[in-house]
PDB file of N, CA and C in Angstrom:
ATOM      1  N   MET A   1      95.671   9.707  39.296  1.00  0.00           N
ATOM      2  CA  MET A   1      94.236   9.746  39.161  1.00  0.00           C
ATOM      3  C   MET A   1      93.761   8.700  38.280  1.00  0.00           C
ATOM      4  N   PHE A   2      92.599   8.093  38.720  1.00  0.00           N
ATOM      5  CA  PHE A   2      91.943   7.094  37.924  1.00  0.00           C
ATOM      6  C   PHE A   2      90.576   7.519  37.504  1.00  0.00           C
ATOM      7  N   CYS A   3      89.966   6.926  36.523  1.00  0.00           N
ATOM      8  CA  CYS A   3      88.630   7.194  36.243  1.00  0.00           C
ATOM      9  C   CYS A   3      87.925   5.811  35.857  1.00  0.00           C
ATOM     10  N   VAL A   4      86.642   5.793  36.121  1.00  0.00           N
ATOM     11  CA  VAL A   4      85.893   4.552  35.766  1.00  0.00           C
ATOM     12  C   VAL A   4      84.912   4.876  34.599  1.00  0.00           C
ATOM     13  N   ILE A   5      84.977   3.938  33.589  1.00  0.00           N
ATOM     14  CA  ILE A   5      84.281   4.204  32.307  1.00  0.00           C
ATOM     15  C   ILE A   5      83.125   3.291  32.224  1.00  0.00           C
ATOM     16  N   TYR A   6      81.971   3.892  31.879  1.00  0.00           N
ATOM     17  CA  TYR A   6      80.711   3.181  31.614  1.00  0.00           C
ATOM     18  C   TYR A   6      80.199   3.321  30.292  1.00  0.00           C
ATOM     19  N   ARG A   7      79.538   2.217  29.777  1.00  0.00           N
ATOM     20  CA  ARG A   7      78.918   2.332  28.497  1.00  0.00           C
ATOM     21  C   ARG A   7      77.402   2.521  28.640  1.00  0.00           C
ATOM     22  N   SER A   8      76.892   3.302  27.688  1.00  0.00           N
ATOM     23  CA  SER A   8      75.463   3.563  27.771  1.00  0.00           C
ATOM     24  C   SER A   8      74.658   2.368  27.210  1.00  0.00           C
ATOM     25  N   THR A   9      73.487   2.057  27.775  1.00  0.00           N
ATOM     26  CA  THR A   9      72.640   1.070  27.245  1.00  0.00           C
ATOM     27  C   THR A   9      71.598   1.560  26.280  1.00  0.00           C
ATOM     28  N   LYS A  10      71.514   2.985  26.262  1.00  0.00           N
ATOM     29  CA  LYS A  10      70.519   3.606  25.361  1.00  0.00           C
ATOM     30  C   LYS A  10      71.035   4.318  24.150  1.00  0.00           C
ATOM     31  N   ARG A  11      72.327   4.652  24.252  1.00  0.00           N
ATOM     32  CA  ARG A  11      73.061   5.465  23.198  1.00  0.00           C
ATOM     33  C   ARG A  11      74.289   4.755  22.785  1.00  0.00           C
ATOM     34  N   ASP A  12      74.304   4.331  21.490  1.00  0.00           N
ATOM     35  CA  ASP A  12      75.493   3.547  20.897  1.00  0.00           C
ATOM     36  C   ASP A  12      76.770   4.486  20.983  1.00  0.00           C
ATOM     37  N   GLN A  13      77.832   3.911  21.328  1.00  0.00           N
ATOM     38  CA  GLN A  13      79.139   4.664  21.346  1.00  0.00           C
ATOM     39  C   GLN A  13      79.159   5.827  22.248  1.00  0.00           C
ATOM     40  N   THR A  14      78.441   5.797  23.369  1.00  0.00           N
ATOM     41  CA  THR A  14      78.392   6.850  24.317  1.00  0.00           C
ATOM     42  C   THR A  14      78.913   6.285  25.661  1.00  0.00           C
ATOM     43  N   TYR A  15      79.860   7.095  26.215  1.00  0.00           N
ATOM     44  CA  TYR A  15      80.512   6.576  27.469  1.00  0.00           C
ATOM     45  C   TYR A  15      80.497   7.659  28.550  1.00  0.00           C
ATOM     46  N   LEU A  16      80.421   7.259  29.756  1.00  0.00           N
ATOM     47  CA  LEU A  16      80.369   8.138  30.918  1.00  0.00           C
ATOM     48  C   LEU A  16      81.612   7.809  31.756  1.00  0.00           C
ATOM     49  N   TYR A  17      82.378   8.886  32.106  1.00  0.00           N
ATOM     50  CA  TYR A  17      83.571   8.708  32.917  1.00  0.00           C
ATOM     51  C   TYR A  17      83.218   9.380  34.215  1.00  0.00           C
ATOM     52  N   VAL A  18      83.607   8.676  35.309  1.00  0.00           N
ATOM     53  CA  VAL A  18      83.433   9.209  36.656  1.00  0.00           C
ATOM     54  C   VAL A  18      84.706   8.829  37.395  1.00  0.00           C
ATOM     55  N   ASP A  19      84.946   9.524  38.634  1.00  0.00           N
ATOM     56  CA  ASP A  19      86.145   9.244  39.256  1.00  0.00           C
ATOM     57  C   ASP A  19      86.100   8.162  40.387  1.00  0.00           C
ATOM     58  N   LYS A  20      84.852   7.696  40.648  1.00  0.00           N
ATOM     59  CA  LYS A  20      84.670   6.625  41.650  1.00  0.00           C
ATOM     60  C   LYS A  20      83.653   5.653  41.153  1.00  0.00           C
ATOM     61  N   LYS A  21      83.916   4.380  41.368  1.00  0.00           N
ATOM     62  CA  LYS A  21      83.092   3.318  40.831  1.00  0.00           C
ATOM     63  C   LYS A  21      81.703   3.424  41.403  1.00  0.00           C
ATOM     64  N   ASP A  22      80.719   3.378  40.511  1.00  0.00           N
ATOM     65  CA  ASP A  22      79.282   3.400  40.917  1.00  0.00           C
ATOM     66  C   ASP A  22      78.851   4.733  41.645  1.00  0.00           C
ATOM     67  N   ASP A  23      79.616   5.787  41.532  1.00  0.00           N
ATOM     68  CA  ASP A  23      79.244   7.041  42.135  1.00  0.00           C
ATOM     69  C   ASP A  23      78.762   8.010  41.039  1.00  0.00           C
ATOM     70  N   PHE A  24      77.549   8.188  40.880  1.00  0.00           N
ATOM     71  CA  PHE A  24      76.972   9.075  39.894  1.00  0.00           C
ATOM     72  C   PHE A  24      76.321  10.291  40.474  1.00  0.00           C
ATOM     73  N   SER A  25      76.715  10.614  41.720  1.00  0.00           N
ATOM     74  CA  SER A  25      76.053  11.681  42.478  1.00  0.00           C
ATOM     75  C   SER A  25      76.150  12.946  41.867  1.00  0.00           C
ATOM     76  N   ARG A  26      77.273  13.220  41.074  1.00  0.00           N
ATOM     77  CA  ARG A  26      77.485  14.532  40.509  1.00  0.00           C
ATOM     78  C   ARG A  26      77.012  14.617  38.971  1.00  0.00           C
ATOM     79  N   VAL A  27      76.475  13.480  38.524  1.00  0.00           N
ATOM     80  CA  VAL A  27      75.939  13.399  37.153  1.00  0.00           C
ATOM     81  C   VAL A  27      74.470  13.864  37.135  1.00  0.00           C
ATOM     82  N   PRO A  28      74.118  14.802  36.339  1.00  0.00           N
ATOM     83  CA  PRO A  28      72.687  15.382  36.352  1.00  0.00           C
ATOM     84  C   PRO A  28      71.714  14.191  36.103  1.00  0.00           C
ATOM     85  N   GLU A  29      70.610  14.207  36.773  1.00  0.00           N
ATOM     86  CA  GLU A  29      69.576  13.196  36.752  1.00  0.00           C
ATOM     87  C   GLU A  29      69.101  12.981  35.263  1.00  0.00           C
ATOM     88  N   ALA A  30      68.910  14.115  34.567  1.00  0.00           N
ATOM     89  CA  ALA A  30      68.388  13.984  33.225  1.00  0.00           C
ATOM     90  C   ALA A  30      69.374  13.252  32.354  1.00  0.00           C
ATOM     91  N   LEU A  31      70.697  13.428  32.538  1.00  0.00           N
ATOM     92  CA  LEU A  31      71.687  12.765  31.768  1.00  0.00           C
ATOM     93  C   LEU A  31      71.656  11.298  32.071  1.00  0.00           C
ATOM     94  N   MET A  32      71.532  10.931  33.334  1.00  0.00           N
ATOM     95  CA  MET A  32      71.504   9.518  33.752  1.00  0.00           C
ATOM     96  C   MET A  32      70.207   8.821  33.124  1.00  0.00           C
ATOM     97  N   GLU A  33      69.127   9.542  33.095  1.00  0.00           N
ATOM     98  CA  GLU A  33      67.909   8.995  32.433  1.00  0.00           C
ATOM     99  C   GLU A  33      68.173   8.667  30.986  1.00  0.00           C
ATOM    100  N   SER A  34      68.754   9.590  30.227  1.00  0.00           N
ATOM    101  CA  SER A  34      68.987   9.450  28.789  1.00  0.00           C
ATOM    102  C   SER A  34      70.129   8.429  28.485  1.00  0.00           C
ATOM    103  N   PHE A  35      71.068   8.312  29.516  1.00  0.00           N
ATOM    104  CA  PHE A  35      72.163   7.417  29.317  1.00  0.00           C
ATOM    105  C   PHE A  35      71.713   5.968  29.514  1.00  0.00           C
ATOM    106  N   GLY A  36      70.762   5.686  30.355  1.00  0.00           N
ATOM    107  CA  GLY A  36      70.369   4.311  30.613  1.00  0.00           C
ATOM    108  C   GLY A  36      71.177   3.713  31.796  1.00  0.00           C
ATOM    109  N   THR A  37      71.050   2.423  31.901  1.00  0.00           N
ATOM    110  CA  THR A  37      71.777   1.710  32.943  1.00  0.00           C
ATOM    111  C   THR A  37      73.242   1.619  32.550  1.00  0.00           C
ATOM    112  N   PRO A  38      74.166   2.204  33.402  1.00  0.00           N
ATOM    113  CA  PRO A  38      75.549   2.256  33.018  1.00  0.00           C
ATOM    114  C   PRO A  38      76.104   0.784  33.208  1.00  0.00           C
ATOM    115  N   HIS A  39      76.852   0.438  32.194  1.00  0.00           N
ATOM    116  CA  HIS A  39      77.623  -0.858  32.223  1.00  0.00           C
ATOM    117  C   HIS A  39      79.086  -0.587  32.300  1.00  0.00           C
ATOM    118  N   LEU A  40      79.720  -1.129  33.299  1.00  0.00           N
ATOM    119  CA  LEU A  40      81.178  -0.923  33.547  1.00  0.00           C
ATOM    120  C   LEU A  40      81.950  -1.474  32.415  1.00  0.00           C
ATOM    121  N   VAL A  41      82.855  -0.650  31.854  1.00  0.00           N
ATOM    122  CA  VAL A  41      83.744  -0.957  30.779  1.00  0.00           C
ATOM    123  C   VAL A  41      85.162  -1.176  31.306  1.00  0.00           C
ATOM    124  N   MET A  42      85.680  -0.225  32.075  1.00  0.00           N
ATOM    125  CA  MET A  42      87.032  -0.408  32.591  1.00  0.00           C
ATOM    126  C   MET A  42      87.396   0.734  33.578  1.00  0.00           C
ATOM    127  N   LEU A  43      88.445   0.464  34.390  1.00  0.00           N
ATOM    128  CA  LEU A  43      89.107   1.408  35.264  1.00  0.00           C
ATOM    129  C   LEU A  43      90.306   1.854  34.565  1.00  0.00           C
ATOM    130  N   LEU A  44      90.571   3.124  34.394  1.00  0.00           N
ATOM    131  CA  LEU A  44      91.616   3.591  33.594  1.00  0.00           C
ATOM    132  C   LEU A  44      92.476   4.637  34.412  1.00  0.00           C
ATOM    133  N   PRO A  45      93.859   4.465  34.434  1.00  0.00           N
ATOM    134  CA  PRO A  45      94.601   5.490  34.988  1.00  0.00           C
ATOM    135  C   PRO A  45      94.722   6.745  34.104  1.00  0.00           C
ATOM    136  N   LEU A  46      94.738   7.860  34.643  1.00  0.00           N
ATOM    137  CA  LEU A  46      94.809   9.127  33.849  1.00  0.00           C
ATOM    138  C   LEU A  46      96.152   9.751  33.985  1.00  0.00           C
ATOM    139  N   ASP A  47      97.168   8.941  34.031  1.00  0.00           N
ATOM    140  CA  ASP A  47      98.533   9.408  34.272  1.00  0.00           C
ATOM    141  C   ASP A  47      99.305   9.528  32.961  1.00  0.00           C
ATOM    142  N   GLY A  48      98.633   9.249  31.795  1.00  0.00           N
ATOM    143  CA  GLY A  48      99.212   9.354  30.512  1.00  0.00           C
ATOM    144  C   GLY A  48      99.882   8.047  30.020  1.00  0.00           C
ATOM    145  N   SER A  49      99.878   7.054  30.854  1.00  0.00           N
ATOM    146  CA  SER A  49     100.468   5.740  30.505  1.00  0.00           C
ATOM    147  C   SER A  49      99.635   5.074  29.376  1.00  0.00           C
ATOM    148  N   LYS A  50      98.347   5.354  29.324  1.00  0.00           N
ATOM    149  CA  LYS A  50      97.444   4.713  28.313  1.00  0.00           C
ATOM    150  C   LYS A  50      96.749   5.914  27.613  1.00  0.00           C
ATOM    151  N   LYS A  51      96.554   5.700  26.290  1.00  0.00           N
ATOM    152  CA  LYS A  51      95.790   6.731  25.488  1.00  0.00           C
ATOM    153  C   LYS A  51      94.316   6.332  25.431  1.00  0.00           C
ATOM    154  N   LEU A  52      93.485   7.402  25.305  1.00  0.00           N
ATOM    155  CA  LEU A  52      92.080   7.186  25.100  1.00  0.00           C
ATOM    156  C   LEU A  52      91.866   7.256  23.629  1.00  0.00           C
ATOM    157  N   ALA A  53      91.016   6.432  23.061  1.00  0.00           N
ATOM    158  CA  ALA A  53      90.731   6.358  21.615  1.00  0.00           C
ATOM    159  C   ALA A  53      90.027   7.638  21.133  1.00  0.00           C
ATOM    160  N   SER A  54      89.026   8.086  21.838  1.00  0.00           N
ATOM    161  CA  SER A  54      88.295   9.268  21.350  1.00  0.00           C
ATOM    162  C   SER A  54      88.136  10.431  22.289  1.00  0.00           C
ATOM    163  N   ALA A  55      88.994  10.503  23.295  1.00  0.00           N
ATOM    164  CA  ALA A  55      88.974  11.579  24.210  1.00  0.00           C
ATOM    165  C   ALA A  55      90.321  12.084  24.614  1.00  0.00           C
ATOM    166  N   ASP A  56      90.445  13.295  24.928  1.00  0.00           N
ATOM    167  CA  ASP A  56      91.702  13.930  25.390  1.00  0.00           C
ATOM    168  C   ASP A  56      91.733  13.693  26.832  1.00  0.00           C
ATOM    169  N   ILE A  57      92.852  13.180  27.316  1.00  0.00           N
ATOM    170  CA  ILE A  57      93.069  12.797  28.828  1.00  0.00           C
ATOM    171  C   ILE A  57      92.987  14.155  29.621  1.00  0.00           C
ATOM    172  N   GLU A  58      93.554  15.202  29.142  1.00  0.00           N
ATOM    173  CA  GLU A  58      93.556  16.446  29.961  1.00  0.00           C
ATOM    174  C   GLU A  58      92.133  16.944  30.028  1.00  0.00           C
ATOM    175  N   LYS A  59      91.352  16.882  29.036  1.00  0.00           N
ATOM    176  CA  LYS A  59      89.890  17.383  29.088  1.00  0.00           C
ATOM    177  C   LYS A  59      89.078  16.488  29.984  1.00  0.00           C
ATOM    178  N   VAL A  60      89.342  15.170  30.017  1.00  0.00           N
ATOM    179  CA  VAL A  60      88.717  14.269  30.919  1.00  0.00           C
ATOM    180  C   VAL A  60      89.108  14.588  32.346  1.00  0.00           C
ATOM    181  N   LYS A  61      90.368  14.835  32.665  1.00  0.00           N
ATOM    182  CA  LYS A  61      90.789  15.059  34.004  1.00  0.00           C
ATOM    183  C   LYS A  61      90.120  16.405  34.430  1.00  0.00           C
ATOM    184  N   GLN A  62      90.105  17.376  33.571  1.00  0.00           N
ATOM    185  CA  GLN A  62      89.517  18.700  33.943  1.00  0.00           C
ATOM    186  C   GLN A  62      88.070  18.573  34.169  1.00  0.00           C
ATOM    187  N   ALA A  63      87.364  17.860  33.380  1.00  0.00           N
ATOM    188  CA  ALA A  63      85.842  17.694  33.550  1.00  0.00           C
ATOM    189  C   ALA A  63      85.639  16.893  34.860  1.00  0.00           C
ATOM    190  N   LEU A  64      86.412  15.864  35.129  1.00  0.00           N
ATOM    191  CA  LEU A  64      86.269  15.138  36.356  1.00  0.00           C
ATOM    192  C   LEU A  64      86.391  16.058  37.571  1.00  0.00           C
ATOM    193  N   LYS A  65      87.348  16.863  37.615  1.00  0.00           N
ATOM    194  CA  LYS A  65      87.662  17.824  38.744  1.00  0.00           C
ATOM    195  C   LYS A  65      86.535  18.858  38.897  1.00  0.00           C
ATOM    196  N   GLU A  66      86.150  19.502  37.708  1.00  0.00           N
ATOM    197  CA  GLU A  66      85.194  20.605  37.711  1.00  0.00           C
ATOM    198  C   GLU A  66      83.719  20.102  37.789  1.00  0.00           C
ATOM    199  N   GLU A  67      83.397  19.124  37.052  1.00  0.00           N
ATOM    200  CA  GLU A  67      81.977  18.686  36.975  1.00  0.00           C
ATOM    201  C   GLU A  67      81.610  17.401  37.654  1.00  0.00           C
ATOM    202  N   GLY A  68      82.659  16.552  37.876  1.00  0.00           N
ATOM    203  CA  GLY A  68      82.452  15.263  38.422  1.00  0.00           C
ATOM    204  C   GLY A  68      82.253  14.098  37.536  1.00  0.00           C
ATOM    205  N   PHE A  69      82.225  14.484  36.220  1.00  0.00           N
ATOM    206  CA  PHE A  69      81.946  13.441  35.145  1.00  0.00           C
ATOM    207  C   PHE A  69      82.436  13.967  33.780  1.00  0.00           C
ATOM    208  N   TYR A  70      82.642  13.028  32.871  1.00  0.00           N
ATOM    209  CA  TYR A  70      82.909  13.408  31.477  1.00  0.00           C
ATOM    210  C   TYR A  70      82.027  12.535  30.601  1.00  0.00           C
ATOM    211  N   LEU A  71      81.373  13.057  29.632  1.00  0.00           N
ATOM    212  CA  LEU A  71      80.497  12.412  28.743  1.00  0.00           C
ATOM    213  C   LEU A  71      81.226  12.297  27.318  1.00  0.00           C
ATOM    214  N   GLN A  72      81.460  11.121  26.847  1.00  0.00           N
ATOM    215  CA  GLN A  72      82.034  10.884  25.526  1.00  0.00           C
ATOM    216  C   GLN A  72      80.973  10.525  24.528  1.00  0.00           C
ATOM    217  N   LEU A  73      80.704  11.379  23.578  1.00  0.00           N
ATOM    218  CA  LEU A  73      79.702  11.099  22.590  1.00  0.00           C
ATOM    219  C   LEU A  73      80.233  10.529  21.389  1.00  0.00           C
ATOM    220  N   PRO A  74      79.513   9.824  20.512  1.00  0.00           N
ATOM    221  CA  PRO A  74      80.007   9.205  19.328  1.00  0.00           C
ATOM    222  C   PRO A  74      80.384  10.295  18.328  1.00  0.00           C
ATOM    223  N   PRO A  75      81.304  10.061  17.435  1.00  0.00           N
ATOM    224  CA  PRO A  75      81.631  11.023  16.377  1.00  0.00           C
ATOM    225  C   PRO A  75      80.447  11.238  15.481  1.00  0.00           C
ATOM    226  N   PRO A  76      80.324  12.454  14.921  1.00  0.00           N
ATOM    227  CA  PRO A  76      79.226  12.674  14.013  1.00  0.00           C
ATOM    228  C   PRO A  76      79.309  11.819  12.803  1.00  0.00           C
ATOM    229  N   PRO A  77      78.179  11.417  12.249  1.00  0.00           N
ATOM    230  CA  PRO A  77      78.157  10.522  11.075  1.00  0.00           C
ATOM    231  C   PRO A  77      78.767  11.213   9.875  1.00  0.00           C
ATOM    232  N   GLU A  78      79.459  10.534   9.043  1.00  0.00           N
ATOM    233  CA  GLU A  78      80.056  11.101   7.869  1.00  0.00           C
ATOM    234  C   GLU A  78      79.015  11.392   6.864  1.00  0.00           C
ATOM    235  N   ASN A  79      79.073  12.565   6.198  1.00  0.00           N
ATOM    236  CA  ASN A  79      78.090  12.961   5.169  1.00  0.00           C
ATOM    237  C   ASN A  79      78.554  12.494   3.929  1.00  0.00           C
ATOM    238  N   LEU A  80      78.042  11.446   3.361  1.00  0.00           N
ATOM    239  CA  LEU A  80      78.456  10.920   2.150  1.00  0.00           C
ATOM    240  C   LEU A  80      78.001  11.767   0.876  1.00  0.00           C
ATOM    241  N   LEU A  81      77.222  12.759   1.228  1.00  0.00           N
ATOM    242  CA  LEU A  81      76.794  13.614   0.039  1.00  0.00           C
ATOM    243  C   LEU A  81      77.577  14.896  -0.038  1.00  0.00           C
ATOM    244  N   SER A  82      78.573  15.048   0.870  1.00  0.00           N
ATOM    245  CA  SER A  82      79.341  16.290   0.855  1.00  0.00           C
ATOM    246  C   SER A  82      80.147  16.315  -0.468  1.00  0.00           C
ATOM    247  N   PRO A  83      80.549  17.613  -0.860  1.00  0.00           N
ATOM    248  CA  PRO A  83      81.256  17.813  -2.129  1.00  0.00           C
ATOM    249  C   PRO A  83      82.520  16.975  -2.286  1.00  0.00           C
ATOM    250  N   ARG A  84      83.283  16.644  -1.195  1.00  0.00           N
ATOM    251  CA  ARG A  84      84.441  15.972  -1.330  1.00  0.00           C
ATOM    252  C   ARG A  84      84.256  14.526  -1.830  1.00  0.00           C
ATOM    253  N   HIS A  85      83.051  14.026  -1.668  1.00  0.00           N
ATOM    254  CA  HIS A  85      82.650  12.627  -2.117  1.00  0.00           C
ATOM    255  C   HIS A  85      82.059  12.628  -3.535  1.00  0.00           C
ATOM    256  N   ASP A  86      82.006  13.781  -4.128  1.00  0.00           N
ATOM    257  CA  ASP A  86      81.453  13.922  -5.472  1.00  0.00           C
ATOM    258  C   ASP A  86      82.395  13.356  -6.501  1.00  0.00           C
ATOM    259  N   ALA A  87      82.173  12.270  -7.002  1.00  0.00           N
ATOM    260  CA  ALA A  87      83.164  11.573  -7.989  1.00  0.00           C
ATOM    261  C   ALA A  87      83.202  12.327  -9.372  1.00  0.00           C
ATOM    262  N   ASN A  88      82.334  13.221  -9.647  1.00  0.00           N
ATOM    263  CA  ASN A  88      82.253  13.922 -10.899  1.00  0.00           C
ATOM    264  C   ASN A  88      83.155  15.166 -10.875  1.00  0.00           C
ATOM    265  N   LYS A  89      83.755  15.496  -9.848  1.00  0.00           N
ATOM    266  CA  LYS A  89      84.508  16.764  -9.791  1.00  0.00           C
ATOM    267  C   LYS A  89      85.969  16.476  -9.852  1.00  0.00           C
TER     268      LYS A  89
END
């Protein structure tokens, strides 16, 4: 199984995975509007030979089968004001 990964032009560090190149037919229209023009990043085998930096391959494969796409969002920003960053403690 392969997937095609696209980068968002409107949202930094946001990627859309689909199973066929340029086939966004199963992606909701509202998502495509907020995603912007997809820019091809790569074609990736989902056989476990390569790891994904920020996504679980099994979750990607399941989402592609069930929904027809997988959306990878950026990690939440680190809260520099959280207690673990308090130097006085």
